[in-house]
Amino acid sequence: MVEPRARTYLDDMPTSSKVAALVLAAFGAFSIWVAAGYGFTGFLSLAAREPWALQMLLDLAIACSFAIGWMLHDAKKRGIKPWPYVVLTIFTGSVGVLVYVVRRGLRAR
């Protein structure tokens, strides 16, 4: 008879948080690579030159603003302090939201 394996915290994590963790790992690594090569504010010079880059930057700002609103509401409901994730979202965009979703999933168990 095969012994059942021990449960880990990943077993209790919602699928959405597992997906967010995978996206965070890949996108986080890519973001670090880009920031190392072009600087943390390199996107501003591109947005100043290219209308599509500016449009994408504004789109990201709008989406992250809505995500912050959702985070504040969701964190209050779950008893999580949202401010570290809000600050991270302001400075890193969707990376902050992904970190919150992963953290939220760890809290679910």
C-alpha atoms as a PDB file:
ATOM      1  CA  MET A   1       0.000   0.000   0.000  1.00  0.00           C
ATOM      2  CA  VAL A   2       1.263   3.458  -0.886  1.00  0.00           C
ATOM      3  CA  GLU A   3       1.543   5.975   1.912  1.00  0.00           C
ATOM      4  CA  PRO A   4      -0.297   9.259   1.233  1.00  0.00           C
ATOM      5  CA  ARG A   5       2.064  12.176   0.834  1.00  0.00           C
ATOM      6  CA  ALA A   6       2.149  14.935   3.411  1.00  0.00           C
ATOM      7  CA  ARG A   7       0.048  17.993   2.572  1.00  0.00           C
ATOM      8  CA  THR A   8       1.853  21.247   1.908  1.00  0.00           C
ATOM      9  CA  TYR A   9       0.617  24.832   2.013  1.00  0.00           C
ATOM     10  CA  LEU A  10       0.389  24.711  -1.794  1.00  0.00           C
ATOM     11  CA  ASP A  11      -2.304  22.032  -1.563  1.00  0.00           C
ATOM     12  CA  ASP A  12      -4.652  24.454   0.175  1.00  0.00           C
ATOM     13  CA  MET A  13      -3.794  27.435  -2.032  1.00  0.00           C
ATOM     14  CA  PRO A  14      -6.524  28.395  -4.529  1.00  0.00           C
ATOM     15  CA  THR A  15      -5.729  27.719  -8.183  1.00  0.00           C
ATOM     16  CA  SER A  16      -5.902  31.443  -8.971  1.00  0.00           C
ATOM     17  CA  SER A  17      -3.119  32.097  -6.465  1.00  0.00           C
ATOM     18  CA  LYS A  18      -1.005  29.284  -7.917  1.00  0.00           C
ATOM     19  CA  VAL A  19      -1.400  30.792 -11.385  1.00  0.00           C
ATOM     20  CA  ALA A  20      -0.568  34.238  -9.989  1.00  0.00           C
ATOM     21  CA  ALA A  21       2.595  32.789  -8.403  1.00  0.00           C
ATOM     22  CA  LEU A  22       3.721  31.338 -11.749  1.00  0.00           C
ATOM     23  CA  VAL A  23       2.994  34.603 -13.584  1.00  0.00           C
ATOM     24  CA  LEU A  24       4.745  36.554 -10.822  1.00  0.00           C
ATOM     25  CA  ALA A  25       7.876  34.413 -11.107  1.00  0.00           C
ATOM     26  CA  ALA A  26       8.111  34.766 -14.890  1.00  0.00           C
ATOM     27  CA  PHE A  27       7.037  38.395 -15.143  1.00  0.00           C
ATOM     28  CA  GLY A  28       9.073  39.395 -12.090  1.00  0.00           C
ATOM     29  CA  ALA A  29      12.232  37.895 -13.590  1.00  0.00           C
ATOM     30  CA  PHE A  30      11.570  39.663 -16.910  1.00  0.00           C
ATOM     31  CA  SER A  31      10.896  42.968 -15.128  1.00  0.00           C
ATOM     32  CA  ILE A  32      14.156  42.723 -13.189  1.00  0.00           C
ATOM     33  CA  TRP A  33      16.038  42.001 -16.418  1.00  0.00           C
ATOM     34  CA  VAL A  34      14.466  45.011 -18.180  1.00  0.00           C
ATOM     35  CA  ALA A  35      15.033  47.354 -15.220  1.00  0.00           C
ATOM     36  CA  ALA A  36      18.658  46.225 -14.959  1.00  0.00           C
ATOM     37  CA  GLY A  37      19.222  46.921 -18.646  1.00  0.00           C
ATOM     38  CA  TYR A  38      17.273  50.154 -19.086  1.00  0.00           C
ATOM     39  CA  GLY A  39      16.862  51.590 -15.582  1.00  0.00           C
ATOM     40  CA  PHE A  40      13.830  51.707 -13.328  1.00  0.00           C
ATOM     41  CA  THR A  41      12.389  54.769 -15.089  1.00  0.00           C
ATOM     42  CA  GLY A  42      13.420  53.856 -18.633  1.00  0.00           C
ATOM     43  CA  PHE A  43       9.766  53.526 -19.624  1.00  0.00           C
ATOM     44  CA  LEU A  44       9.231  57.281 -19.135  1.00  0.00           C
ATOM     45  CA  SER A  45      11.560  58.267 -21.968  1.00  0.00           C
ATOM     46  CA  LEU A  46       9.831  55.761 -24.243  1.00  0.00           C
ATOM     47  CA  ALA A  47       6.380  57.048 -23.240  1.00  0.00           C
ATOM     48  CA  ALA A  48       7.515  60.604 -23.995  1.00  0.00           C
ATOM     49  CA  ARG A  49       8.558  59.593 -27.554  1.00  0.00           C
ATOM     50  CA  GLU A  50       5.943  57.037 -28.550  1.00  0.00           C
ATOM     51  CA  PRO A  51       2.167  57.635 -28.346  1.00  0.00           C
ATOM     52  CA  TRP A  52       1.446  53.893 -28.044  1.00  0.00           C
ATOM     53  CA  ALA A  53       3.889  53.596 -25.152  1.00  0.00           C
ATOM     54  CA  LEU A  54       2.161  56.517 -23.424  1.00  0.00           C
ATOM     55  CA  GLN A  55      -1.224  54.899 -24.057  1.00  0.00           C
ATOM     56  CA  MET A  56      -0.020  51.638 -22.497  1.00  0.00           C
ATOM     57  CA  LEU A  57       1.414  53.498 -19.496  1.00  0.00           C
ATOM     58  CA  LEU A  58      -1.880  55.320 -18.925  1.00  0.00           C
ATOM     59  CA  ASP A  59      -3.787  52.046 -19.355  1.00  0.00           C
ATOM     60  CA  LEU A  60      -1.572  50.382 -16.738  1.00  0.00           C
ATOM     61  CA  ALA A  61      -2.090  53.306 -14.340  1.00  0.00           C
ATOM     62  CA  ILE A  62      -5.881  53.060 -14.726  1.00  0.00           C
ATOM     63  CA  ALA A  63      -5.906  49.263 -14.295  1.00  0.00           C
ATOM     64  CA  CYS A  64      -3.635  49.435 -11.234  1.00  0.00           C
ATOM     65  CA  SER A  65      -5.851  52.130  -9.698  1.00  0.00           C
ATOM     66  CA  PHE A  66      -8.840  49.813  -9.961  1.00  0.00           C
ATOM     67  CA  ALA A  67      -6.731  46.926  -8.623  1.00  0.00           C
ATOM     68  CA  ILE A  68      -5.715  49.017  -5.615  1.00  0.00           C
ATOM     69  CA  GLY A  69      -9.381  49.764  -4.902  1.00  0.00           C
ATOM     70  CA  TRP A  70     -10.159  46.046  -5.074  1.00  0.00           C
ATOM     71  CA  MET A  71      -7.157  45.232  -2.865  1.00  0.00           C
ATOM     72  CA  LEU A  72      -8.243  47.711  -0.182  1.00  0.00           C
ATOM     73  CA  HIS A  73     -11.752  46.236  -0.075  1.00  0.00           C
ATOM     74  CA  ASP A  74     -10.596  42.606  -0.228  1.00  0.00           C
ATOM     75  CA  ALA A  75      -7.849  43.065   2.367  1.00  0.00           C
ATOM     76  CA  LYS A  76     -10.261  44.670   4.826  1.00  0.00           C
ATOM     77  CA  LYS A  77     -12.658  41.744   4.389  1.00  0.00           C
ATOM     78  CA  ARG A  78      -9.830  39.217   4.961  1.00  0.00           C
ATOM     79  CA  GLY A  79      -8.013  41.038   7.778  1.00  0.00           C
ATOM     80  CA  ILE A  80      -4.850  41.658   5.724  1.00  0.00           C
ATOM     81  CA  LYS A  81      -2.910  44.937   5.938  1.00  0.00           C
ATOM     82  CA  PRO A  82      -3.056  46.252   2.360  1.00  0.00           C
ATOM     83  CA  TRP A  83      -0.554  49.118   2.491  1.00  0.00           C
ATOM     84  CA  PRO A  84       2.619  47.205   1.622  1.00  0.00           C
ATOM     85  CA  TYR A  85       0.878  45.855  -1.489  1.00  0.00           C
ATOM     86  CA  VAL A  86      -0.559  49.272  -2.406  1.00  0.00           C
ATOM     87  CA  VAL A  87       2.906  50.862  -2.226  1.00  0.00           C
ATOM     88  CA  LEU A  88       4.404  47.968  -4.191  1.00  0.00           C
ATOM     89  CA  THR A  89       1.697  48.359  -6.846  1.00  0.00           C
ATOM     90  CA  ILE A  90       2.366  52.102  -7.144  1.00  0.00           C
ATOM     91  CA  PHE A  91       6.080  51.488  -7.748  1.00  0.00           C
ATOM     92  CA  THR A  92       5.990  48.198  -9.693  1.00  0.00           C
ATOM     93  CA  GLY A  93       2.565  48.037 -11.329  1.00  0.00           C
ATOM     94  CA  SER A  94       1.017  44.618 -11.676  1.00  0.00           C
ATOM     95  CA  VAL A  95       3.845  42.966  -9.724  1.00  0.00           C
ATOM     96  CA  GLY A  96       2.314  44.421  -6.544  1.00  0.00           C
ATOM     97  CA  VAL A  97      -1.110  43.056  -7.436  1.00  0.00           C
ATOM     98  CA  LEU A  98       0.335  39.609  -8.169  1.00  0.00           C
ATOM     99  CA  VAL A  99       2.183  39.574  -4.839  1.00  0.00           C
ATOM    100  CA  TYR A 100      -1.086  40.438  -3.077  1.00  0.00           C
ATOM    101  CA  VAL A 101      -2.994  37.655  -4.865  1.00  0.00           C
ATOM    102  CA  VAL A 102      -0.318  35.112  -3.904  1.00  0.00           C
ATOM    103  CA  ARG A 103      -0.319  36.366  -0.284  1.00  0.00           C
ATOM    104  CA  ARG A 104      -4.110  36.259  -0.221  1.00  0.00           C
ATOM    105  CA  GLY A 105      -4.019  32.632  -1.326  1.00  0.00           C
ATOM    106  CA  LEU A 106      -1.560  31.695   1.398  1.00  0.00           C
ATOM    107  CA  ARG A 107      -3.884  33.281   3.958  1.00  0.00           C
ATOM    108  CA  ALA A 108      -6.847  31.243   2.670  1.00  0.00           C
ATOM    109  CA  ARG A 109      -5.696  28.035   4.325  1.00  0.00           C
END
